[in-house]
Amino acid sequence: MLKVSRRLLTLLATALVVGGLASAAQADVLHVNGERTAITPSAQAIQFLSAYNVAVTPTGAATTANGSLIFPITRGEVTTAPKDGKVFHTGGVRFSLNGSSFWFRDLVLVRKHDRAYFLARLNDRKGWVLYAWVHDFAVVPGSGNEAKVTGRLFLSGEAAQAFNRLVGSNVVAPGADVGTFTSILRFG
């Protein structure tokens, strides 16, 4: 009878530990329910757009302010341990030249396994493409139920191809400095 009791106690202890870990993991999920992301172009990006006369226009709910593109955040989830998550945006940005154009829309900021990047829908495609890699990713807790997320953006291969097709020449390389971003996340 002593062996059965020890086995039962071991099973109960294991079940409690696993149950406690599951509860702790659920407690670490924060739901994002709004605010915005501002993407500020680098001097290199501004120089490229000016040199090739590429027009930049916000679309949908996106706007501009103080030289930045502003994308409203619609929803998201982030975890505090590990620090992973997805933050979804609405609106987009159109790049035009001589009657041709392409656009990125519905950006998603992703943080997974210590990597961060932005996904976007390209034109009317249903799937996602990698828009930019994020370096120097940082999160600063704010007052109350807000946090500020910042980083530097570097162009992906898919995005570089879209720009090269637009200007008709192979002039943009993956890894080009896009600029910086600042996201203000509101948790609910």
Protein backbone atom coordinates (compact mmCIF):
# COMPACT_ATOMS: atom_id res chain seq x y z
CA MET A 1 0.00 0.00 0.00
CA LEU A 2 2.91 2.33 0.63
CA LYS A 3 4.06 2.01 -3.02
CA VAL A 4 0.60 2.89 -4.34
CA SER A 5 0.44 5.93 -2.07
CA ARG A 6 3.84 7.17 -3.19
CA ARG A 7 2.89 6.69 -6.84
CA LEU A 8 -0.39 8.48 -6.26
CA LEU A 9 1.39 11.33 -4.46
CA THR A 10 3.93 11.58 -7.28
CA LEU A 11 1.15 11.71 -9.87
CA LEU A 12 -0.74 14.32 -7.85
CA ALA A 13 2.37 16.45 -7.39
CA THR A 14 3.16 16.24 -11.11
CA ALA A 15 -0.42 17.19 -11.99
CA LEU A 16 -0.27 20.20 -9.65
CA VAL A 17 3.04 21.39 -11.07
CA VAL A 18 1.84 21.04 -14.68
CA GLY A 19 -1.45 22.72 -13.79
CA GLY A 20 0.42 25.55 -12.08
CA LEU A 21 2.66 26.06 -15.12
CA ALA A 22 -0.35 26.18 -17.42
CA SER A 23 -2.04 28.75 -15.19
CA ALA A 24 1.11 30.85 -15.02
CA ALA A 25 1.46 30.79 -18.81
CA GLN A 26 -2.14 31.94 -19.23
CA ALA A 27 -1.58 34.78 -16.77
CA ASP A 28 1.31 36.07 -18.88
CA VAL A 29 -0.82 36.73 -22.00
CA LEU A 30 -1.66 40.41 -22.50
CA HIS A 31 -4.32 41.44 -25.00
CA VAL A 32 -3.53 44.52 -27.09
CA ASN A 33 -6.63 46.50 -27.96
CA GLY A 34 -5.37 49.67 -29.58
CA GLU A 35 -3.13 52.69 -30.13
CA ARG A 36 -0.67 53.15 -33.00
CA THR A 37 2.67 52.53 -34.69
CA ALA A 38 4.69 55.35 -36.27
CA ILE A 39 7.27 54.45 -38.92
CA THR A 40 9.80 57.23 -39.47
CA PRO A 41 11.88 56.84 -42.64
CA SER A 42 15.66 57.00 -42.47
CA ALA A 43 17.66 59.61 -44.38
CA GLN A 44 18.70 56.79 -46.74
CA ALA A 45 15.04 55.88 -47.45
CA ILE A 46 14.05 59.52 -48.01
CA GLN A 47 17.01 60.00 -50.35
CA PHE A 48 16.07 56.89 -52.38
CA LEU A 49 12.39 57.89 -52.68
CA SER A 50 13.35 61.44 -53.72
CA ALA A 51 16.04 60.34 -56.21
CA TYR A 52 13.57 58.06 -58.03
CA ASN A 53 10.53 60.38 -57.62
CA VAL A 54 8.56 57.68 -55.80
CA ALA A 55 5.36 59.08 -54.28
CA VAL A 56 4.38 57.74 -50.85
CA THR A 57 0.69 57.84 -49.90
CA PRO A 58 -1.01 56.45 -46.79
CA THR A 59 -4.08 54.31 -47.55
CA GLY A 60 -7.10 53.26 -45.53
CA ALA A 61 -6.83 54.25 -41.88
CA ALA A 62 -3.11 55.09 -42.11
CA THR A 63 -2.10 58.76 -41.85
CA THR A 64 1.02 60.91 -41.72
CA ALA A 65 2.26 63.15 -38.92
CA ASN A 66 5.62 64.84 -38.37
CA GLY A 67 7.26 62.98 -41.26
CA SER A 68 6.08 59.54 -40.07
CA LEU A 69 3.51 57.08 -41.34
CA ILE A 70 0.98 56.26 -38.60
CA PHE A 71 -0.79 52.89 -38.55
CA PRO A 72 -3.62 52.28 -36.04
CA ILE A 73 -3.32 49.08 -34.00
CA THR A 74 -6.44 46.91 -34.13
CA ARG A 75 -5.55 44.01 -31.85
CA GLY A 76 -2.82 41.69 -30.68
CA GLU A 77 -1.46 39.40 -28.02
CA VAL A 78 1.89 39.49 -26.29
CA THR A 79 3.39 37.27 -23.65
CA THR A 80 5.70 38.44 -20.91
CA ALA A 81 7.63 35.17 -20.64
CA PRO A 82 8.81 34.48 -23.26
CA LYS A 83 8.52 37.96 -24.76
CA ASP A 84 6.68 36.97 -27.92
CA GLY A 85 3.60 38.28 -29.65
CA LYS A 86 1.76 39.67 -32.66
CA VAL A 87 0.34 43.16 -33.04
CA PHE A 88 -2.03 43.79 -35.96
CA HIS A 89 -2.49 47.13 -37.73
CA THR A 90 -4.93 48.61 -40.22
CA GLY A 91 -4.21 50.86 -43.16
CA GLY A 92 -1.32 50.78 -45.55
CA VAL A 93 1.11 52.71 -47.70
CA ARG A 94 1.20 53.01 -51.50
CA PHE A 95 4.41 53.63 -53.47
CA SER A 96 3.82 55.10 -56.97
CA LEU A 97 5.96 56.02 -59.96
CA ASN A 98 4.89 56.95 -63.52
CA GLY A 99 1.47 55.29 -63.31
CA SER A 100 2.76 52.10 -61.64
CA SER A 101 2.36 51.36 -57.95
CA PHE A 102 2.39 48.76 -55.21
CA TRP A 103 1.31 48.91 -51.62
CA PHE A 104 1.83 47.25 -48.26
CA ARG A 105 -1.17 46.98 -45.97
CA ASP A 106 -2.34 45.43 -42.71
CA LEU A 107 1.10 45.32 -41.11
CA VAL A 108 1.78 42.83 -38.32
CA LEU A 109 4.58 43.33 -35.81
CA VAL A 110 5.84 39.87 -34.80
CA ARG A 111 8.24 38.97 -32.01
CA LYS A 112 9.16 35.29 -31.86
CA HIS A 113 12.19 33.51 -30.37
CA ASP A 114 14.19 36.73 -29.90
CA ARG A 115 13.53 37.84 -33.50
CA ALA A 116 11.24 40.65 -34.51
CA TYR A 117 9.90 41.63 -37.91
CA PHE A 118 6.99 43.21 -39.75
CA LEU A 119 4.77 41.22 -42.07
CA ALA A 120 2.42 42.90 -44.56
CA ARG A 121 0.05 42.08 -47.34
CA LEU A 122 1.52 43.10 -50.69
CA ASN A 123 -1.05 44.59 -53.07
CA ASP A 124 -4.20 42.44 -53.09
CA ARG A 125 -2.50 39.16 -52.23
CA LYS A 126 -4.11 37.16 -49.46
CA GLY A 127 -0.87 35.89 -47.95
CA TRP A 128 1.75 37.74 -45.96
CA VAL A 129 5.22 38.83 -47.06
CA LEU A 130 8.12 39.86 -44.89
CA TYR A 131 8.29 43.65 -45.06
CA ALA A 132 11.19 44.42 -42.72
CA TRP A 133 13.43 42.94 -40.05
CA VAL A 134 13.57 44.70 -36.69
CA HIS A 135 16.88 45.36 -34.90
CA ASP A 136 17.38 47.00 -31.51
CA PHE A 137 13.92 45.82 -30.39
CA ALA A 138 13.02 47.36 -27.03
CA VAL A 139 9.96 47.46 -24.79
CA VAL A 140 9.46 50.17 -22.18
CA PRO A 141 6.50 49.80 -19.80
CA GLY A 142 4.37 52.92 -19.66
CA SER A 143 1.95 54.27 -17.17
CA GLY A 144 -1.13 52.20 -16.47
CA ASN A 145 -1.99 49.79 -19.23
CA GLU A 146 0.41 51.01 -21.94
CA ALA A 147 3.84 50.11 -23.24
CA LYS A 148 6.18 51.60 -25.84
CA VAL A 149 7.96 49.33 -28.34
CA THR A 150 10.77 50.65 -30.53
CA GLY A 151 13.23 49.37 -33.08
CA ARG A 152 15.09 49.93 -36.33
CA LEU A 153 13.75 48.57 -39.61
CA PHE A 154 15.74 46.92 -42.41
CA LEU A 155 14.14 46.00 -45.74
CA SER A 156 13.40 42.36 -46.56
CA GLY A 157 14.20 40.65 -49.85
CA GLU A 158 10.52 40.64 -50.90
CA ALA A 159 10.15 44.36 -50.22
CA ALA A 160 13.41 45.16 -52.05
CA GLN A 161 12.13 43.25 -55.10
CA ALA A 162 8.90 45.27 -55.08
CA PHE A 163 10.85 48.56 -55.09
CA ASN A 164 13.21 47.33 -57.82
CA ARG A 165 10.26 46.34 -60.03
CA LEU A 166 8.68 49.77 -59.47
CA VAL A 167 11.76 51.76 -60.49
CA GLY A 168 12.73 49.30 -63.24
CA SER A 169 16.25 48.74 -61.97
CA ASN A 170 18.06 46.67 -59.38
CA VAL A 171 18.92 49.54 -57.02
CA VAL A 172 17.60 48.43 -53.61
CA ALA A 173 19.20 45.57 -51.69
CA PRO A 174 17.73 43.55 -48.85
CA GLY A 175 18.90 44.98 -45.56
CA ALA A 176 18.54 48.61 -46.64
CA ASP A 177 17.86 50.94 -43.73
CA VAL A 178 14.13 51.75 -43.75
CA GLY A 179 14.07 53.83 -40.57
CA THR A 180 12.68 53.43 -37.07
CA PHE A 181 9.36 52.57 -35.55
CA THR A 182 7.64 53.43 -32.30
CA SER A 183 4.54 51.55 -31.22
CA ILE A 184 2.32 52.62 -28.37
CA LEU A 185 0.40 49.53 -27.17
CA ARG A 186 -2.71 49.75 -25.03
CA PHE A 187 -3.65 46.61 -23.12
CA GLY A 188 -7.20 45.71 -22.17
